[in-house]
Amino acid sequence: MRWWGIGLSKKQMEIDLLAQSTDGNALLIGEVKWTESVNIERVLHSLNQKIENLPIYKPPTIFKAVFQQLHASHPEVYVFTPDDVIGALG
């Protein structure tokens, strides 16, 4: 689901994708960037700030994800393309 709300900073914030595991022990937080040139480091920094500012329960495991057009890899964030998502559904 997409999440909009007031963060701990008392300012409005938006998260493109937020999903909690059924047992409540993990949270997936993701950003969707639909340009051909994505700065993963900048997106990761933004995700980390949003996690710190999130006014809801933060479980012990938090997965960070970026959904973008082109394949990339980074040790701290999962990167998914449309082909990855469609492939997982088929």
PDB file of N, CA and C in Angstrom:
ATOM      1  N   MET A   1       0.831  -1.176   0.000  1.00  0.00           N
ATOM      2  CA  MET A   1       0.000   0.000   0.000  1.00  0.00           C
ATOM      3  C   MET A   1       0.876   1.238   0.000  1.00  0.00           C
ATOM      4  N   ARG A   2       0.349   2.304  -0.465  1.00  0.00           N
ATOM      5  CA  ARG A   2       1.028   3.603  -0.412  1.00  0.00           C
ATOM      6  C   ARG A   2       0.674   4.229   0.931  1.00  0.00           C
ATOM      7  N   TRP A   3       1.619   4.966   1.507  1.00  0.00           N
ATOM      8  CA  TRP A   3       1.380   5.580   2.813  1.00  0.00           C
ATOM      9  C   TRP A   3       1.668   7.070   2.755  1.00  0.00           C
ATOM     10  N   TRP A   4       0.713   7.851   3.219  1.00  0.00           N
ATOM     11  CA  TRP A   4       0.872   9.295   3.403  1.00  0.00           C
ATOM     12  C   TRP A   4       0.518   9.587   4.845  1.00  0.00           C
ATOM     13  N   GLY A   5       1.226  10.494   5.436  1.00  0.00           N
ATOM     14  CA  GLY A   5       0.874  10.861   6.800  1.00  0.00           C
ATOM     15  C   GLY A   5       1.876  11.836   7.385  1.00  0.00           C
ATOM     16  N   ILE A   6       1.681  12.093   8.655  1.00  0.00           N
ATOM     17  CA  ILE A   6       2.555  12.993   9.398  1.00  0.00           C
ATOM     18  C   ILE A   6       3.623  12.139  10.066  1.00  0.00           C
ATOM     19  N   GLY A   7       4.885  12.464   9.803  1.00  0.00           N
ATOM     20  CA  GLY A   7       5.993  11.735  10.397  1.00  0.00           C
ATOM     21  C   GLY A   7       6.294  12.208  11.808  1.00  0.00           C
ATOM     22  N   LEU A   8       7.274  11.572  12.434  1.00  0.00           N
ATOM     23  CA  LEU A   8       7.695  11.979  13.770  1.00  0.00           C
ATOM     24  C   LEU A   8       8.179  13.416  13.796  1.00  0.00           C
ATOM     25  N   SER A   9       8.621  13.920  12.645  1.00  0.00           N
ATOM     26  CA  SER A   9       9.067  15.311  12.528  1.00  0.00           C
ATOM     27  C   SER A   9       7.893  16.292  12.495  1.00  0.00           C
ATOM     28  N   LYS A  10       6.679  15.751  12.502  1.00  0.00           N
ATOM     29  CA  LYS A  10       5.439  16.547  12.419  1.00  0.00           C
ATOM     30  C   LYS A  10       5.232  17.159  11.041  1.00  0.00           C
ATOM     31  N   LYS A  11       5.961  16.643  10.039  1.00  0.00           N
ATOM     32  CA  LYS A  11       5.799  17.102   8.658  1.00  0.00           C
ATOM     33  C   LYS A  11       5.198  15.981   7.819  1.00  0.00           C
ATOM     34  N   GLN A  12       4.483  16.385   6.771  1.00  0.00           N
ATOM     35  CA  GLN A  12       3.877  15.435   5.842  1.00  0.00           C
ATOM     36  C   GLN A  12       4.960  14.609   5.153  1.00  0.00           C
ATOM     37  N   MET A  13       4.719  13.307   5.003  1.00  0.00           N
ATOM     38  CA  MET A  13       5.643  12.457   4.262  1.00  0.00           C
ATOM     39  C   MET A  13       4.863  11.436   3.449  1.00  0.00           C
ATOM     40  N   GLU A  14       5.518  10.896   2.441  1.00  0.00           N
ATOM     41  CA  GLU A  14       4.896   9.931   1.536  1.00  0.00           C
ATOM     42  C   GLU A  14       5.860   8.770   1.314  1.00  0.00           C
ATOM     43  N   ILE A  15       5.304   7.562   1.340  1.00  0.00           N
ATOM     44  CA  ILE A  15       6.074   6.358   1.036  1.00  0.00           C
ATOM     45  C   ILE A  15       5.326   5.635  -0.079  1.00  0.00           C
ATOM     46  N   ASP A  16       6.042   5.306  -1.164  1.00  0.00           N
ATOM     47  CA  ASP A  16       5.400   4.681  -2.321  1.00  0.00           C
ATOM     48  C   ASP A  16       4.868   3.290  -2.017  1.00  0.00           C
ATOM     49  N   LEU A  17       5.595   2.519  -1.212  1.00  0.00           N
ATOM     50  CA  LEU A  17       5.182   1.145  -0.913  1.00  0.00           C
ATOM     51  C   LEU A  17       5.535   0.813   0.524  1.00  0.00           C
ATOM     52  N   LEU A  18       4.543   0.344   1.257  1.00  0.00           N
ATOM     53  CA  LEU A  18       4.745  -0.066   2.643  1.00  0.00           C
ATOM     54  C   LEU A  18       3.928  -1.322   2.869  1.00  0.00           C
ATOM     55  N   ALA A  19       4.592  -2.393   3.294  1.00  0.00           N
ATOM     56  CA  ALA A  19       3.891  -3.655   3.538  1.00  0.00           C
ATOM     57  C   ALA A  19       4.500  -4.334   4.753  1.00  0.00           C
ATOM     58  N   GLN A  20       3.636  -4.834   5.626  1.00  0.00           N
ATOM     59  CA  GLN A  20       4.090  -5.544   6.815  1.00  0.00           C
ATOM     60  C   GLN A  20       3.823  -7.024   6.644  1.00  0.00           C
ATOM     61  N   SER A  21       4.737  -7.866   7.145  1.00  0.00           N
ATOM     62  CA  SER A  21       4.531  -9.311   7.072  1.00  0.00           C
ATOM     63  C   SER A  21       3.339  -9.698   7.947  1.00  0.00           C
ATOM     64  N   THR A  22       2.746 -10.838   7.665  1.00  0.00           N
ATOM     65  CA  THR A  22       1.561 -11.263   8.416  1.00  0.00           C
ATOM     66  C   THR A  22       1.867 -11.502   9.889  1.00  0.00           C
ATOM     67  N   ASP A  23       3.114 -11.875  10.203  1.00  0.00           N
ATOM     68  CA  ASP A  23       3.460 -12.086  11.612  1.00  0.00           C
ATOM     69  C   ASP A  23       3.938 -10.805  12.298  1.00  0.00           C
ATOM     70  N   GLY A  24       4.033  -9.700  11.552  1.00  0.00           N
ATOM     71  CA  GLY A  24       4.422  -8.423  12.120  1.00  0.00           C
ATOM     72  C   GLY A  24       5.902  -8.263  12.397  1.00  0.00           C
ATOM     73  N   ASN A  25       6.720  -9.223  11.969  1.00  0.00           N
ATOM     74  CA  ASN A  25       8.155  -9.174  12.255  1.00  0.00           C
ATOM     75  C   ASN A  25       8.996  -8.530  11.162  1.00  0.00           C
ATOM     76  N   ALA A  26       8.390  -8.172  10.045  1.00  0.00           N
ATOM     77  CA  ALA A  26       9.148  -7.580   8.941  1.00  0.00           C
ATOM     78  C   ALA A  26       8.311  -6.503   8.257  1.00  0.00           C
ATOM     79  N   LEU A  27       9.018  -5.539   7.698  1.00  0.00           N
ATOM     80  CA  LEU A  27       8.384  -4.436   6.988  1.00  0.00           C
ATOM     81  C   LEU A  27       9.138  -4.217   5.689  1.00  0.00           C
ATOM     82  N   LEU A  28       8.398  -4.067   4.600  1.00  0.00           N
ATOM     83  CA  LEU A  28       8.979  -3.719   3.307  1.00  0.00           C
ATOM     84  C   LEU A  28       8.642  -2.259   3.050  1.00  0.00           C
ATOM     85  N   ILE A  29       9.667  -1.465   2.795  1.00  0.00           N
ATOM     86  CA  ILE A  29       9.457  -0.061   2.474  1.00  0.00           C
ATOM     87  C   ILE A  29      10.138   0.193   1.139  1.00  0.00           C
ATOM     88  N   GLY A  30       9.393   0.755   0.194  1.00  0.00           N
ATOM     89  CA  GLY A  30       9.936   0.900  -1.147  1.00  0.00           C
ATOM     90  C   GLY A  30       9.611   2.225  -1.803  1.00  0.00           C
ATOM     91  N   GLU A  31      10.441   2.555  -2.753  1.00  0.00           N
ATOM     92  CA  GLU A  31      10.256   3.755  -3.567  1.00  0.00           C
ATOM     93  C   GLU A  31      10.182   3.333  -5.030  1.00  0.00           C
ATOM     94  N   VAL A  32       9.340   3.999  -5.785  1.00  0.00           N
ATOM     95  CA  VAL A  32       9.210   3.759  -7.217  1.00  0.00           C
ATOM     96  C   VAL A  32       9.813   4.960  -7.938  1.00  0.00           C
ATOM     97  N   LYS A  33      10.793   4.692  -8.787  1.00  0.00           N
ATOM     98  CA  LYS A  33      11.459   5.741  -9.556  1.00  0.00           C
ATOM     99  C   LYS A  33      11.379   5.353 -11.024  1.00  0.00           C
ATOM    100  N   TRP A  34      10.677   6.132 -11.806  1.00  0.00           N
ATOM    101  CA  TRP A  34      10.425   5.734 -13.191  1.00  0.00           C
ATOM    102  C   TRP A  34      11.198   6.587 -14.181  1.00  0.00           C
ATOM    103  N   THR A  35      12.477   6.795 -13.913  1.00  0.00           N
ATOM    104  CA  THR A  35      13.355   7.456 -14.863  1.00  0.00           C
ATOM    105  C   THR A  35      14.460   6.471 -15.217  1.00  0.00           C
ATOM    106  N   GLU A  36      15.134   6.692 -16.307  1.00  0.00           N
ATOM    107  CA  GLU A  36      16.196   5.767 -16.712  1.00  0.00           C
ATOM    108  C   GLU A  36      17.460   5.954 -15.885  1.00  0.00           C
ATOM    109  N   SER A  37      17.607   7.080 -15.254  1.00  0.00           N
ATOM    110  CA  SER A  37      18.790   7.355 -14.450  1.00  0.00           C
ATOM    111  C   SER A  37      18.377   7.530 -12.991  1.00  0.00           C
ATOM    112  N   VAL A  38      18.608   6.506 -12.179  1.00  0.00           N
ATOM    113  CA  VAL A  38      18.235   6.545 -10.767  1.00  0.00           C
ATOM    114  C   VAL A  38      19.509   6.507  -9.929  1.00  0.00           C
ATOM    115  N   ASN A  39      19.625   7.436  -9.012  1.00  0.00           N
ATOM    116  CA  ASN A  39      20.749   7.464  -8.091  1.00  0.00           C
ATOM    117  C   ASN A  39      20.358   6.633  -6.865  1.00  0.00           C
ATOM    118  N   ILE A  40      20.796   5.372  -6.839  1.00  0.00           N
ATOM    119  CA  ILE A  40      20.416   4.449  -5.773  1.00  0.00           C
ATOM    120  C   ILE A  40      20.853   4.979  -4.408  1.00  0.00           C
ATOM    121  N   GLU A  41      22.028   5.576  -4.330  1.00  0.00           N
ATOM    122  CA  GLU A  41      22.504   6.113  -3.054  1.00  0.00           C
ATOM    123  C   GLU A  41      21.549   7.192  -2.521  1.00  0.00           C
ATOM    124  N   ARG A  42      21.070   8.041  -3.405  1.00  0.00           N
ATOM    125  CA  ARG A  42      20.130   9.094  -2.997  1.00  0.00           C
ATOM    126  C   ARG A  42      18.798   8.487  -2.545  1.00  0.00           C
ATOM    127  N   VAL A  43      18.321   7.488  -3.273  1.00  0.00           N
ATOM    128  CA  VAL A  43      17.064   6.833  -2.898  1.00  0.00           C
ATOM    129  C   VAL A  43      17.231   6.111  -1.563  1.00  0.00           C
ATOM    130  N   LEU A  44      18.361   5.436  -1.369  1.00  0.00           N
ATOM    131  CA  LEU A  44      18.623   4.741  -0.109  1.00  0.00           C
ATOM    132  C   LEU A  44      18.661   5.735   1.051  1.00  0.00           C
ATOM    133  N   HIS A  45      19.297   6.866   0.856  1.00  0.00           N
ATOM    134  CA  HIS A  45      19.337   7.908   1.885  1.00  0.00           C
ATOM    135  C   HIS A  45      17.915   8.367   2.231  1.00  0.00           C
ATOM    136  N   SER A  46      17.105   8.583   1.214  1.00  0.00           N
ATOM    137  CA  SER A  46      15.719   8.995   1.419  1.00  0.00           C
ATOM    138  C   SER A  46      14.938   7.924   2.173  1.00  0.00           C
ATOM    139  N   LEU A  47      15.122   6.655   1.791  1.00  0.00           N
ATOM    140  CA  LEU A  47      14.434   5.561   2.493  1.00  0.00           C
ATOM    141  C   LEU A  47      14.845   5.520   3.959  1.00  0.00           C
ATOM    142  N   ASN A  48      16.125   5.655   4.229  1.00  0.00           N
ATOM    143  CA  ASN A  48      16.597   5.624   5.619  1.00  0.00           C
ATOM    144  C   ASN A  48      16.000   6.768   6.435  1.00  0.00           C
ATOM    145  N   GLN A  49      15.884   7.945   5.841  1.00  0.00           N
ATOM    146  CA  GLN A  49      15.264   9.078   6.528  1.00  0.00           C
ATOM    147  C   GLN A  49      13.791   8.801   6.806  1.00  0.00           C
ATOM    148  N   LYS A  50      13.109   8.211   5.827  1.00  0.00           N
ATOM    149  CA  LYS A  50      11.687   7.905   5.999  1.00  0.00           C
ATOM    150  C   LYS A  50      11.485   6.848   7.079  1.00  0.00           C
ATOM    151  N   ILE A  51      12.361   5.868   7.126  1.00  0.00           N
ATOM    152  CA  ILE A  51      12.261   4.836   8.169  1.00  0.00           C
ATOM    153  C   ILE A  51      12.416   5.472   9.551  1.00  0.00           C
ATOM    154  N   GLU A  52      13.388   6.343   9.703  1.00  0.00           N
ATOM    155  CA  GLU A  52      13.602   7.018  10.990  1.00  0.00           C
ATOM    156  C   GLU A  52      12.408   7.884  11.373  1.00  0.00           C
ATOM    157  N   ASN A  53      11.743   8.469  10.391  1.00  0.00           N
ATOM    158  CA  ASN A  53      10.642   9.402  10.616  1.00  0.00           C
ATOM    159  C   ASN A  53       9.274   8.712  10.697  1.00  0.00           C
ATOM    160  N   LEU A  54       9.223   7.430  10.391  1.00  0.00           N
ATOM    161  CA  LEU A  54       7.960   6.702  10.332  1.00  0.00           C
ATOM    162  C   LEU A  54       7.327   6.596  11.724  1.00  0.00           C
ATOM    163  N   PRO A  55       6.085   7.062  11.876  1.00  0.00           N
ATOM    164  CA  PRO A  55       5.458   7.087  13.197  1.00  0.00           C
ATOM    165  C   PRO A  55       4.710   5.807  13.559  1.00  0.00           C
ATOM    166  N   ILE A  56       4.985   4.730  12.864  1.00  0.00           N
ATOM    167  CA  ILE A  56       4.322   3.466  13.170  1.00  0.00           C
ATOM    168  C   ILE A  56       5.344   2.477  13.703  1.00  0.00           C
ATOM    169  N   TYR A  57       4.863   1.354  14.193  1.00  0.00           N
ATOM    170  CA  TYR A  57       5.719   0.299  14.728  1.00  0.00           C
ATOM    171  C   TYR A  57       6.761  -0.118  13.694  1.00  0.00           C
ATOM    172  N   LYS A  58       8.012  -0.200  14.134  1.00  0.00           N
ATOM    173  CA  LYS A  58       9.096  -0.643  13.259  1.00  0.00           C
ATOM    174  C   LYS A  58       9.564  -2.014  13.742  1.00  0.00           C
ATOM    175  N   PRO A  59       9.243  -3.061  12.986  1.00  0.00           N
ATOM    176  CA  PRO A  59       9.629  -4.405  13.387  1.00  0.00           C
ATOM    177  C   PRO A  59      11.144  -4.608  13.311  1.00  0.00           C
ATOM    178  N   PRO A  60      11.625  -5.728  13.833  1.00  0.00           N
ATOM    179  CA  PRO A  60      13.067  -5.971  13.844  1.00  0.00           C
ATOM    180  C   PRO A  60      13.704  -6.063  12.457  1.00  0.00           C
ATOM    181  N   THR A  61      12.954  -6.485  11.458  1.00  0.00           N
ATOM    182  CA  THR A  61      13.497  -6.631  10.110  1.00  0.00           C
ATOM    183  C   THR A  61      12.814  -5.642   9.173  1.00  0.00           C
ATOM    184  N   ILE A  62      13.620  -4.823   8.506  1.00  0.00           N
ATOM    185  CA  ILE A  62      13.092  -3.875   7.525  1.00  0.00           C
ATOM    186  C   ILE A  62      13.824  -4.101   6.211  1.00  0.00           C
ATOM    187  N   PHE A  63      13.056  -4.384   5.175  1.00  0.00           N
ATOM    188  CA  PHE A  63      13.600  -4.569   3.827  1.00  0.00           C
ATOM    189  C   PHE A  63      13.372  -3.284   3.047  1.00  0.00           C
ATOM    190  N   LYS A  64      14.415  -2.804   2.384  1.00  0.00           N
ATOM    191  CA  LYS A  64      14.324  -1.601   1.564  1.00  0.00           C
ATOM    192  C   LYS A  64      14.335  -2.017   0.102  1.00  0.00           C
ATOM    193  N   ALA A  65      13.458  -1.401  -0.701  1.00  0.00           N
ATOM    194  CA  ALA A  65      13.360  -1.773  -2.108  1.00  0.00           C
ATOM    195  C   ALA A  65      13.185  -0.539  -2.986  1.00  0.00           C
ATOM    196  N   VAL A  66      13.738  -0.661  -4.196  1.00  0.00           N
ATOM    197  CA  VAL A  66      13.550   0.365  -5.223  1.00  0.00           C
ATOM    198  C   VAL A  66      12.991  -0.336  -6.449  1.00  0.00           C
ATOM    199  N   PHE A  67      11.925   0.196  -6.980  1.00  0.00           N
ATOM    200  CA  PHE A  67      11.313  -0.317  -8.205  1.00  0.00           C
ATOM    201  C   PHE A  67      11.648   0.683  -9.301  1.00  0.00           C
ATOM    202  N   GLN A  68      12.364   0.210 -10.337  1.00  0.00           N
ATOM    203  CA  GLN A  68      12.821   1.104 -11.397  1.00  0.00           C
ATOM    204  C   GLN A  68      12.865   0.362 -12.718  1.00  0.00           C
ATOM    205  N   GLN A  69      13.145   1.086 -13.793  1.00  0.00           N
ATOM    206  CA  GLN A  69      13.122   0.515 -15.142  1.00  0.00           C
ATOM    207  C   GLN A  69      14.278  -0.426 -15.427  1.00  0.00           C
ATOM    208  N   LEU A  70      15.472  -0.096 -14.952  1.00  0.00           N
ATOM    209  CA  LEU A  70      16.665  -0.843 -15.326  1.00  0.00           C
ATOM    210  C   LEU A  70      17.238  -1.633 -14.156  1.00  0.00           C
ATOM    211  N   HIS A  71      17.882  -2.759 -14.480  1.00  0.00           N
ATOM    212  CA  HIS A  71      18.519  -3.571 -13.446  1.00  0.00           C
ATOM    213  C   HIS A  71      19.681  -2.813 -12.817  1.00  0.00           C
ATOM    214  N   ALA A  72      19.860  -3.014 -11.529  1.00  0.00           N
ATOM    215  CA  ALA A  72      20.980  -2.458 -10.780  1.00  0.00           C
ATOM    216  C   ALA A  72      21.152  -3.327  -9.545  1.00  0.00           C
ATOM    217  N   SER A  73      22.257  -3.166  -8.886  1.00  0.00           N
ATOM    218  CA  SER A  73      22.444  -3.897  -7.632  1.00  0.00           C
ATOM    219  C   SER A  73      23.078  -2.970  -6.606  1.00  0.00           C
ATOM    220  N   HIS A  74      22.754  -3.238  -5.366  1.00  0.00           N
ATOM    221  CA  HIS A  74      23.290  -2.462  -4.251  1.00  0.00           C
ATOM    222  C   HIS A  74      23.212  -3.360  -3.020  1.00  0.00           C
ATOM    223  N   PRO A  75      24.223  -3.359  -2.169  1.00  0.00           N
ATOM    224  CA  PRO A  75      24.220  -4.267  -1.025  1.00  0.00           C
ATOM    225  C   PRO A  75      23.196  -3.948   0.058  1.00  0.00           C
ATOM    226  N   GLU A  76      22.624  -2.741   0.062  1.00  0.00           N
ATOM    227  CA  GLU A  76      21.711  -2.355   1.136  1.00  0.00           C
ATOM    228  C   GLU A  76      20.246  -2.235   0.723  1.00  0.00           C
ATOM    229  N   VAL A  77      19.965  -2.436  -0.559  1.00  0.00           N
ATOM    230  CA  VAL A  77      18.590  -2.249  -1.023  1.00  0.00           C
ATOM    231  C   VAL A  77      18.302  -3.239  -2.156  1.00  0.00           C
ATOM    232  N   TYR A  78      17.096  -3.781  -2.165  1.00  0.00           N
ATOM    233  CA  TYR A  78      16.671  -4.650  -3.265  1.00  0.00           C
ATOM    234  C   TYR A  78      16.209  -3.767  -4.414  1.00  0.00           C
ATOM    235  N   VAL A  79      16.595  -4.125  -5.621  1.00  0.00           N
ATOM    236  CA  VAL A  79      16.194  -3.364  -6.801  1.00  0.00           C
ATOM    237  C   VAL A  79      15.384  -4.284  -7.704  1.00  0.00           C
ATOM    238  N   PHE A  80      14.174  -3.844  -8.053  1.00  0.00           N
ATOM    239  CA  PHE A  80      13.268  -4.619  -8.883  1.00  0.00           C
ATOM    240  C   PHE A  80      12.905  -3.846 -10.135  1.00  0.00           C
ATOM    241  N   THR A  81      12.793  -4.559 -11.238  1.00  0.00           N
ATOM    242  CA  THR A  81      12.325  -3.980 -12.502  1.00  0.00           C
ATOM    243  C   THR A  81      10.932  -4.535 -12.794  1.00  0.00           C
ATOM    244  N   PRO A  82      10.233  -3.981 -13.785  1.00  0.00           N
ATOM    245  CA  PRO A  82       8.935  -4.540 -14.147  1.00  0.00           C
ATOM    246  C   PRO A  82       9.048  -6.028 -14.507  1.00  0.00           C
ATOM    247  N   ASP A  83      10.100  -6.420 -15.205  1.00  0.00           N
ATOM    248  CA  ASP A  83      10.283  -7.826 -15.559  1.00  0.00           C
ATOM    249  C   ASP A  83      10.384  -8.714 -14.315  1.00  0.00           C
ATOM    250  N   ASP A  84      11.050  -8.219 -13.271  1.00  0.00           N
ATOM    251  CA  ASP A  84      11.142  -8.979 -12.010  1.00  0.00           C
ATOM    252  C   ASP A  84       9.769  -9.213 -11.406  1.00  0.00           C
ATOM    253  N   VAL A  85       8.970  -8.164 -11.396  1.00  0.00           N
ATOM    254  CA  VAL A  85       7.636  -8.248 -10.786  1.00  0.00           C
ATOM    255  C   VAL A  85       6.741  -9.165 -11.615  1.00  0.00           C
ATOM    256  N   ILE A  86       6.709  -8.976 -12.932  1.00  0.00           N
ATOM    257  CA  ILE A  86       5.883  -9.814 -13.805  1.00  0.00           C
ATOM    258  C   ILE A  86       6.338 -11.267 -13.721  1.00  0.00           C
ATOM    259  N   GLY A  87       7.657 -11.485 -13.709  1.00  0.00           N
ATOM    260  CA  GLY A  87       8.202 -12.843 -13.606  1.00  0.00           C
ATOM    261  C   GLY A  87       7.780 -13.528 -12.314  1.00  0.00           C
ATOM    262  N   ALA A  88       7.701 -12.791 -11.234  1.00  0.00           N
ATOM    263  CA  ALA A  88       7.298 -13.376  -9.962  1.00  0.00           C
ATOM    264  C   ALA A  88       5.824 -13.767  -9.965  1.00  0.00           C
ATOM    265  N   LEU A  89       5.036 -13.105 -10.783  1.00  0.00           N
ATOM    266  CA  LEU A  89       3.606 -13.397 -10.856  1.00  0.00           C
ATOM    267  C   LEU A  89       3.306 -14.599 -11.740  1.00  0.00           C
ATOM    268  N   GLY A  90       4.226 -14.888 -12.683  1.00  0.00           N
ATOM    269  CA  GLY A  90       3.962 -15.949 -13.652  1.00  0.00           C
ATOM    270  C   GLY A  90       4.517 -17.224 -13.206  1.00  0.00           C
TER     271      GLY A  90
END
